Amino acid sequence: MTTRGQLLARGIAAGRVLYGMACLAAPRTAMGPAGARAEGQMAWMVRAFGVRDIVLGAGTLLALEHDGEAAIRWVELSAAADSLDVANAALFRRELERTGVVATLALAVPAATGGWLAARDLRQGT
């Protein structure tokens, strides 16, 4: 039987893989309105974040297939990455374009919150 924690973790992880693939394939499009000027080093950075998301998402999905402590750790690591994205967007908001801050928060806040909830539910078996 699939638990709520597993379902939530799988949804976030699958979304992470898809977004990571979009960042690799089309960094300007993946960045939304802020992507209009994504060239050179900025496009490279977006692709690097895409790789990070693919690795975190795929690792989480694979770990969830085997259940247990490893899956919880992958979910927690992913939630930690999202939490750090939120913190960085807040700390450096004056150095970033408003659209970039808003887009980062719009993606990272729900992913971080959902990730921590999924980890809690996985630990409780719910």
N, C-alpha and C. Protein backbone atom coordinates (compact mmCIF):
# COMPACT_ATOMS: atom_id res chain seq x y z
N MET A 1 0.84 -1.18 0.00
CA MET A 1 0.00 0.00 0.00
C MET A 1 0.89 1.25 0.00
N THR A 2 0.57 2.19 -0.85
CA THR A 2 1.32 3.44 -0.93
C THR A 2 0.85 4.39 0.16
N THR A 3 1.79 4.92 0.92
CA THR A 3 1.44 5.85 1.99
C THR A 3 1.40 7.28 1.46
N ARG A 4 0.82 8.16 2.26
CA ARG A 4 0.76 9.58 1.90
C ARG A 4 2.17 10.15 1.72
N GLY A 5 3.09 9.78 2.61
CA GLY A 5 4.47 10.25 2.51
C GLY A 5 5.14 9.81 1.22
N GLN A 6 4.92 8.55 0.84
CA GLN A 6 5.49 8.04 -0.41
C GLN A 6 4.92 8.77 -1.62
N LEU A 7 3.62 8.98 -1.60
CA LEU A 7 2.96 9.66 -2.72
C LEU A 7 3.46 11.09 -2.86
N LEU A 8 3.54 11.81 -1.76
CA LEU A 8 4.02 13.19 -1.78
C LEU A 8 5.49 13.24 -2.22
N ALA A 9 6.31 12.36 -1.68
CA ALA A 9 7.73 12.34 -2.04
C ALA A 9 7.92 12.00 -3.51
N ARG A 10 7.16 11.05 -4.02
CA ARG A 10 7.26 10.69 -5.44
C ARG A 10 6.83 11.84 -6.35
N GLY A 11 5.77 12.52 -5.98
CA GLY A 11 5.30 13.64 -6.79
C GLY A 11 6.33 14.75 -6.87
N ILE A 12 6.91 15.10 -5.72
CA ILE A 12 7.94 16.15 -5.70
C ILE A 12 9.17 15.70 -6.48
N ALA A 13 9.59 14.45 -6.28
CA ALA A 13 10.78 13.95 -6.97
C ALA A 13 10.58 13.89 -8.48
N ALA A 14 9.41 13.44 -8.92
CA ALA A 14 9.14 13.39 -10.35
C ALA A 14 9.11 14.79 -10.95
N GLY A 15 8.49 15.73 -10.25
CA GLY A 15 8.49 17.12 -10.71
C GLY A 15 9.89 17.69 -10.78
N ARG A 16 10.72 17.32 -9.82
CA ARG A 16 12.11 17.78 -9.79
C ARG A 16 12.87 17.26 -11.02
N VAL A 17 12.68 15.98 -11.36
CA VAL A 17 13.34 15.42 -12.53
C VAL A 17 12.88 16.13 -13.80
N LEU A 18 11.58 16.34 -13.92
CA LEU A 18 11.05 17.01 -15.11
C LEU A 18 11.56 18.44 -15.23
N TYR A 19 11.56 19.17 -14.12
CA TYR A 19 12.07 20.54 -14.15
C TYR A 19 13.57 20.55 -14.47
N GLY A 20 14.31 19.61 -13.91
CA GLY A 20 15.73 19.51 -14.20
C GLY A 20 15.99 19.26 -15.68
N MET A 21 15.18 18.40 -16.28
CA MET A 21 15.32 18.13 -17.71
C MET A 21 15.01 19.38 -18.53
N ALA A 22 14.00 20.13 -18.10
CA ALA A 22 13.67 21.38 -18.79
C ALA A 22 14.82 22.38 -18.69
N CYS A 23 15.45 22.45 -17.52
CA CYS A 23 16.60 23.35 -17.34
C CYS A 23 17.75 22.97 -18.25
N LEU A 24 17.97 21.69 -18.42
CA LEU A 24 19.04 21.23 -19.31
C LEU A 24 18.72 21.51 -20.77
N ALA A 25 17.51 21.20 -21.16
CA ALA A 25 17.13 21.31 -22.57
C ALA A 25 16.88 22.74 -23.02
N ALA A 26 16.27 23.54 -22.16
CA ALA A 26 15.88 24.91 -22.55
C ALA A 26 15.98 25.84 -21.35
N PRO A 27 17.20 26.22 -20.97
CA PRO A 27 17.37 27.02 -19.75
C PRO A 27 16.62 28.35 -19.77
N ARG A 28 16.55 28.99 -20.92
CA ARG A 28 15.85 30.28 -20.99
C ARG A 28 14.35 30.10 -20.74
N THR A 29 13.78 29.07 -21.31
CA THR A 29 12.36 28.79 -21.12
C THR A 29 12.09 28.36 -19.68
N ALA A 30 12.96 27.53 -19.12
CA ALA A 30 12.77 27.04 -17.75
C ALA A 30 12.79 28.17 -16.74
N MET A 31 13.50 29.25 -17.04
CA MET A 31 13.59 30.38 -16.11
C MET A 31 12.39 31.30 -16.19
N GLY A 32 11.50 31.06 -17.14
CA GLY A 32 10.31 31.92 -17.25
C GLY A 32 10.70 33.34 -17.65
N PRO A 33 10.00 34.35 -17.12
CA PRO A 33 10.26 35.74 -17.51
C PRO A 33 11.71 36.17 -17.27
N ALA A 34 12.35 35.63 -16.26
CA ALA A 34 13.73 36.00 -15.97
C ALA A 34 14.70 35.41 -16.98
N GLY A 35 14.25 34.48 -17.79
CA GLY A 35 15.13 33.79 -18.72
C GLY A 35 15.44 34.53 -20.00
N ALA A 36 14.81 35.68 -20.20
CA ALA A 36 15.02 36.42 -21.44
C ALA A 36 16.49 36.75 -21.68
N ARG A 37 17.23 36.94 -20.61
CA ARG A 37 18.65 37.29 -20.74
C ARG A 37 19.57 36.16 -20.30
N ALA A 38 19.05 34.97 -20.24
CA ALA A 38 19.85 33.82 -19.78
C ALA A 38 20.74 33.32 -20.92
N GLU A 39 21.94 33.83 -20.94
CA GLU A 39 22.91 33.40 -21.94
C GLU A 39 24.24 33.14 -21.25
N GLY A 40 25.13 32.47 -21.93
CA GLY A 40 26.48 32.27 -21.41
C GLY A 40 26.49 31.62 -20.04
N GLN A 41 27.11 32.32 -19.09
CA GLN A 41 27.27 31.77 -17.75
C GLN A 41 25.94 31.53 -17.04
N MET A 42 24.97 32.40 -17.26
CA MET A 42 23.66 32.21 -16.62
C MET A 42 22.98 30.94 -17.14
N ALA A 43 23.05 30.72 -18.45
CA ALA A 43 22.46 29.49 -19.01
C ALA A 43 23.18 28.26 -18.45
N TRP A 44 24.50 28.36 -18.29
CA TRP A 44 25.27 27.26 -17.73
C TRP A 44 24.82 26.98 -16.30
N MET A 45 24.62 28.05 -15.51
CA MET A 45 24.18 27.87 -14.11
C MET A 45 22.81 27.21 -14.05
N VAL A 46 21.90 27.62 -14.93
CA VAL A 46 20.57 27.01 -14.95
C VAL A 46 20.69 25.52 -15.27
N ARG A 47 21.55 25.19 -16.22
CA ARG A 47 21.76 23.77 -16.54
C ARG A 47 22.36 23.02 -15.35
N ALA A 48 23.27 23.66 -14.62
CA ALA A 48 23.86 23.02 -13.44
C ALA A 48 22.80 22.74 -12.39
N PHE A 49 21.89 23.69 -12.18
CA PHE A 49 20.78 23.45 -11.25
C PHE A 49 19.89 22.33 -11.77
N GLY A 50 19.75 22.25 -13.09
CA GLY A 50 18.98 21.17 -13.68
C GLY A 50 19.58 19.81 -13.37
N VAL A 51 20.89 19.72 -13.47
CA VAL A 51 21.58 18.47 -13.13
C VAL A 51 21.34 18.12 -11.67
N ARG A 52 21.47 19.13 -10.80
CA ARG A 52 21.23 18.91 -9.36
C ARG A 52 19.83 18.35 -9.14
N ASP A 53 18.83 18.95 -9.79
CA ASP A 53 17.46 18.50 -9.59
C ASP A 53 17.23 17.10 -10.15
N ILE A 54 17.83 16.79 -11.29
CA ILE A 54 17.69 15.44 -11.84
C ILE A 54 18.29 14.41 -10.89
N VAL A 55 19.48 14.69 -10.36
CA VAL A 55 20.13 13.75 -9.45
C VAL A 55 19.32 13.57 -8.17
N LEU A 56 18.88 14.69 -7.56
CA LEU A 56 18.09 14.58 -6.34
C LEU A 56 16.76 13.86 -6.59
N GLY A 57 16.10 14.19 -7.68
CA GLY A 57 14.82 13.56 -7.98
C GLY A 57 14.95 12.09 -8.30
N ALA A 58 15.91 11.75 -9.16
CA ALA A 58 16.10 10.34 -9.53
C ALA A 58 16.57 9.52 -8.34
N GLY A 59 17.47 10.07 -7.54
CA GLY A 59 17.92 9.36 -6.34
C GLY A 59 16.78 9.09 -5.38
N THR A 60 15.92 10.08 -5.22
CA THR A 60 14.76 9.92 -4.34
C THR A 60 13.81 8.85 -4.87
N LEU A 61 13.52 8.91 -6.17
CA LEU A 61 12.62 7.92 -6.77
C LEU A 61 13.17 6.51 -6.63
N LEU A 62 14.46 6.34 -6.88
CA LEU A 62 15.07 5.01 -6.75
C LEU A 62 15.04 4.53 -5.30
N ALA A 63 15.36 5.42 -4.37
CA ALA A 63 15.36 5.04 -2.95
C ALA A 63 13.96 4.68 -2.48
N LEU A 64 12.96 5.38 -2.97
CA LEU A 64 11.58 5.09 -2.56
C LEU A 64 11.12 3.71 -3.02
N GLU A 65 11.73 3.18 -4.07
CA GLU A 65 11.39 1.84 -4.53
C GLU A 65 11.80 0.78 -3.52
N HIS A 66 12.77 1.10 -2.68
CA HIS A 66 13.28 0.13 -1.71
C HIS A 66 12.84 0.45 -0.29
N ASP A 67 12.10 1.54 -0.12
CA ASP A 67 11.62 1.96 1.19
C ASP A 67 12.77 2.07 2.20
N GLY A 68 12.44 2.49 3.38
CA GLY A 68 13.42 2.50 4.45
C GLY A 68 14.13 3.82 4.65
N GLU A 69 15.17 3.74 5.45
CA GLU A 69 15.91 4.92 5.89
C GLU A 69 16.57 5.67 4.74
N ALA A 70 17.07 4.97 3.74
CA ALA A 70 17.72 5.64 2.61
C ALA A 70 16.74 6.57 1.89
N ALA A 71 15.52 6.12 1.73
CA ALA A 71 14.51 6.95 1.07
C ALA A 71 14.24 8.21 1.87
N ILE A 72 14.15 8.06 3.17
CA ILE A 72 13.90 9.22 4.03
C ILE A 72 15.05 10.21 3.91
N ARG A 73 16.28 9.71 3.88
CA ARG A 73 17.45 10.60 3.75
C ARG A 73 17.42 11.36 2.43
N TRP A 74 17.08 10.69 1.33
CA TRP A 74 16.99 11.36 0.03
C TRP A 74 15.91 12.44 0.06
N VAL A 75 14.78 12.14 0.66
CA VAL A 75 13.70 13.13 0.76
C VAL A 75 14.17 14.32 1.59
N GLU A 76 14.84 14.05 2.70
CA GLU A 76 15.34 15.14 3.55
C GLU A 76 16.41 15.97 2.85
N LEU A 77 17.31 15.32 2.12
CA LEU A 77 18.33 16.07 1.38
C LEU A 77 17.70 16.97 0.33
N SER A 78 16.68 16.46 -0.34
CA SER A 78 15.98 17.27 -1.34
C SER A 78 15.27 18.45 -0.70
N ALA A 79 14.62 18.20 0.44
CA ALA A 79 13.95 19.29 1.16
C ALA A 79 14.96 20.31 1.67
N ALA A 80 16.13 19.84 2.08
CA ALA A 80 17.17 20.76 2.54
C ALA A 80 17.66 21.64 1.39
N ALA A 81 17.83 21.05 0.20
CA ALA A 81 18.24 21.84 -0.96
C ALA A 81 17.21 22.91 -1.28
N ASP A 82 15.93 22.54 -1.23
CA ASP A 82 14.87 23.51 -1.49
C ASP A 82 14.82 24.58 -0.40
N SER A 83 15.03 24.19 0.84
CA SER A 83 15.05 25.16 1.94
C SER A 83 16.19 26.16 1.78
N LEU A 84 17.34 25.67 1.33
CA LEU A 84 18.47 26.57 1.09
C LEU A 84 18.20 27.49 -0.09
N ASP A 85 17.48 27.01 -1.10
CA ASP A 85 17.08 27.89 -2.20
C ASP A 85 16.20 29.02 -1.69
N VAL A 86 15.27 28.70 -0.79
CA VAL A 86 14.40 29.72 -0.19
C VAL A 86 15.25 30.73 0.58
N ALA A 87 16.14 30.23 1.42
CA ALA A 87 16.99 31.11 2.23
C ALA A 87 17.85 32.02 1.36
N ASN A 88 18.44 31.46 0.31
CA ASN A 88 19.28 32.27 -0.57
C ASN A 88 18.48 33.31 -1.32
N ALA A 89 17.29 32.94 -1.79
CA ALA A 89 16.45 33.92 -2.48
C ALA A 89 16.08 35.06 -1.55
N ALA A 90 15.81 34.74 -0.29
CA ALA A 90 15.45 35.78 0.68
C ALA A 90 16.67 36.63 1.05
N LEU A 91 17.79 36.00 1.30
CA LEU A 91 19.00 36.73 1.71
C LEU A 91 19.55 37.63 0.61
N PHE A 92 19.49 37.17 -0.62
CA PHE A 92 20.09 37.91 -1.72
C PHE A 92 19.06 38.54 -2.65
N ARG A 93 17.87 38.78 -2.13
CA ARG A 93 16.78 39.31 -2.96
C ARG A 93 17.12 40.64 -3.60
N ARG A 94 17.95 41.45 -2.97
CA ARG A 94 18.30 42.75 -3.55
C ARG A 94 19.29 42.62 -4.70
N GLU A 95 19.96 41.50 -4.78
CA GLU A 95 20.92 41.26 -5.85
C GLU A 95 20.28 40.56 -7.05
N LEU A 96 19.07 40.08 -6.88
CA LEU A 96 18.38 39.33 -7.93
C LEU A 96 17.24 40.16 -8.50
N GLU A 97 16.87 39.82 -9.73
CA GLU A 97 15.68 40.44 -10.30
C GLU A 97 14.45 39.94 -9.55
N ARG A 98 13.46 40.80 -9.43
CA ARG A 98 12.24 40.44 -8.70
C ARG A 98 11.60 39.17 -9.26
N THR A 99 11.56 39.05 -10.58
CA THR A 99 10.93 37.86 -11.17
C THR A 99 11.69 36.59 -10.78
N GLY A 100 13.01 36.68 -10.66
CA GLY A 100 13.80 35.53 -10.25
C GLY A 100 13.53 35.12 -8.82
N VAL A 101 13.39 36.13 -7.94
CA VAL A 101 13.09 35.85 -6.53
C VAL A 101 11.71 35.21 -6.41
N VAL A 102 10.73 35.80 -7.09
CA VAL A 102 9.36 35.28 -7.02
C VAL A 102 9.30 33.86 -7.58
N ALA A 103 9.95 33.62 -8.72
CA ALA A 103 9.93 32.29 -9.32
C ALA A 103 10.60 31.26 -8.42
N THR A 104 11.73 31.64 -7.84
CA THR A 104 12.44 30.72 -6.94
C THR A 104 11.57 30.37 -5.74
N LEU A 105 10.97 31.39 -5.14
CA LEU A 105 10.13 31.14 -3.97
C LEU A 105 8.88 30.33 -4.34
N ALA A 106 8.32 30.61 -5.52
CA ALA A 106 7.11 29.89 -5.95
C ALA A 106 7.37 28.40 -6.14
N LEU A 107 8.58 28.05 -6.55
CA LEU A 107 8.93 26.64 -6.71
C LEU A 107 9.47 26.02 -5.42
N ALA A 108 10.35 26.75 -4.75
CA ALA A 108 11.09 26.16 -3.63
C ALA A 108 10.29 26.07 -2.33
N VAL A 109 9.43 27.04 -2.06
CA VAL A 109 8.66 26.99 -0.80
C VAL A 109 7.74 25.76 -0.76
N PRO A 110 6.92 25.53 -1.79
CA PRO A 110 6.08 24.33 -1.73
C PRO A 110 6.89 23.03 -1.75
N ALA A 111 7.99 23.01 -2.51
CA ALA A 111 8.81 21.80 -2.56
C ALA A 111 9.47 21.52 -1.21
N ALA A 112 9.98 22.56 -0.56
CA ALA A 112 10.60 22.38 0.75
C ALA A 112 9.57 21.93 1.78
N THR A 113 8.45 22.62 1.81
CA THR A 113 7.39 22.28 2.77
C THR A 113 6.89 20.86 2.54
N GLY A 114 6.59 20.55 1.29
CA GLY A 114 6.13 19.21 0.96
C GLY A 114 7.17 18.15 1.26
N GLY A 115 8.43 18.47 1.01
CA GLY A 115 9.50 17.52 1.28
C GLY A 115 9.64 17.19 2.76
N TRP A 116 9.59 18.25 3.60
CA TRP A 116 9.69 18.00 5.05
C TRP A 116 8.47 17.23 5.56
N LEU A 117 7.29 17.55 5.03
CA LEU A 117 6.09 16.80 5.42
C LEU A 117 6.18 15.34 4.98
N ALA A 118 6.67 15.13 3.76
CA ALA A 118 6.82 13.76 3.26
C ALA A 118 7.81 12.97 4.12
N ALA A 119 8.93 13.61 4.49
CA ALA A 119 9.92 12.93 5.34
C ALA A 119 9.31 12.55 6.68
N ARG A 120 8.55 13.48 7.25
CA ARG A 120 7.89 13.18 8.54
C ARG A 120 6.93 12.01 8.39
N ASP A 121 6.12 12.06 7.33
CA ASP A 121 5.15 10.98 7.11
C ASP A 121 5.85 9.64 6.86
N LEU A 122 6.95 9.66 6.12
CA LEU A 122 7.70 8.42 5.88
C LEU A 122 8.24 7.86 7.19
N ARG A 123 8.73 8.72 8.05
CA ARG A 123 9.25 8.27 9.36
C ARG A 123 8.13 7.66 10.21
N GLN A 124 6.92 8.21 10.08
CA GLN A 124 5.79 7.72 10.86
C GLN A 124 5.05 6.58 10.17
N GLY A 125 5.43 6.29 8.93
CA GLY A 125 4.78 5.22 8.18
C GLY A 125 3.41 5.59 7.66
N THR A 126 3.15 6.90 7.55
CA THR A 126 1.84 7.35 7.05
C THR A 126 1.94 7.97 5.68
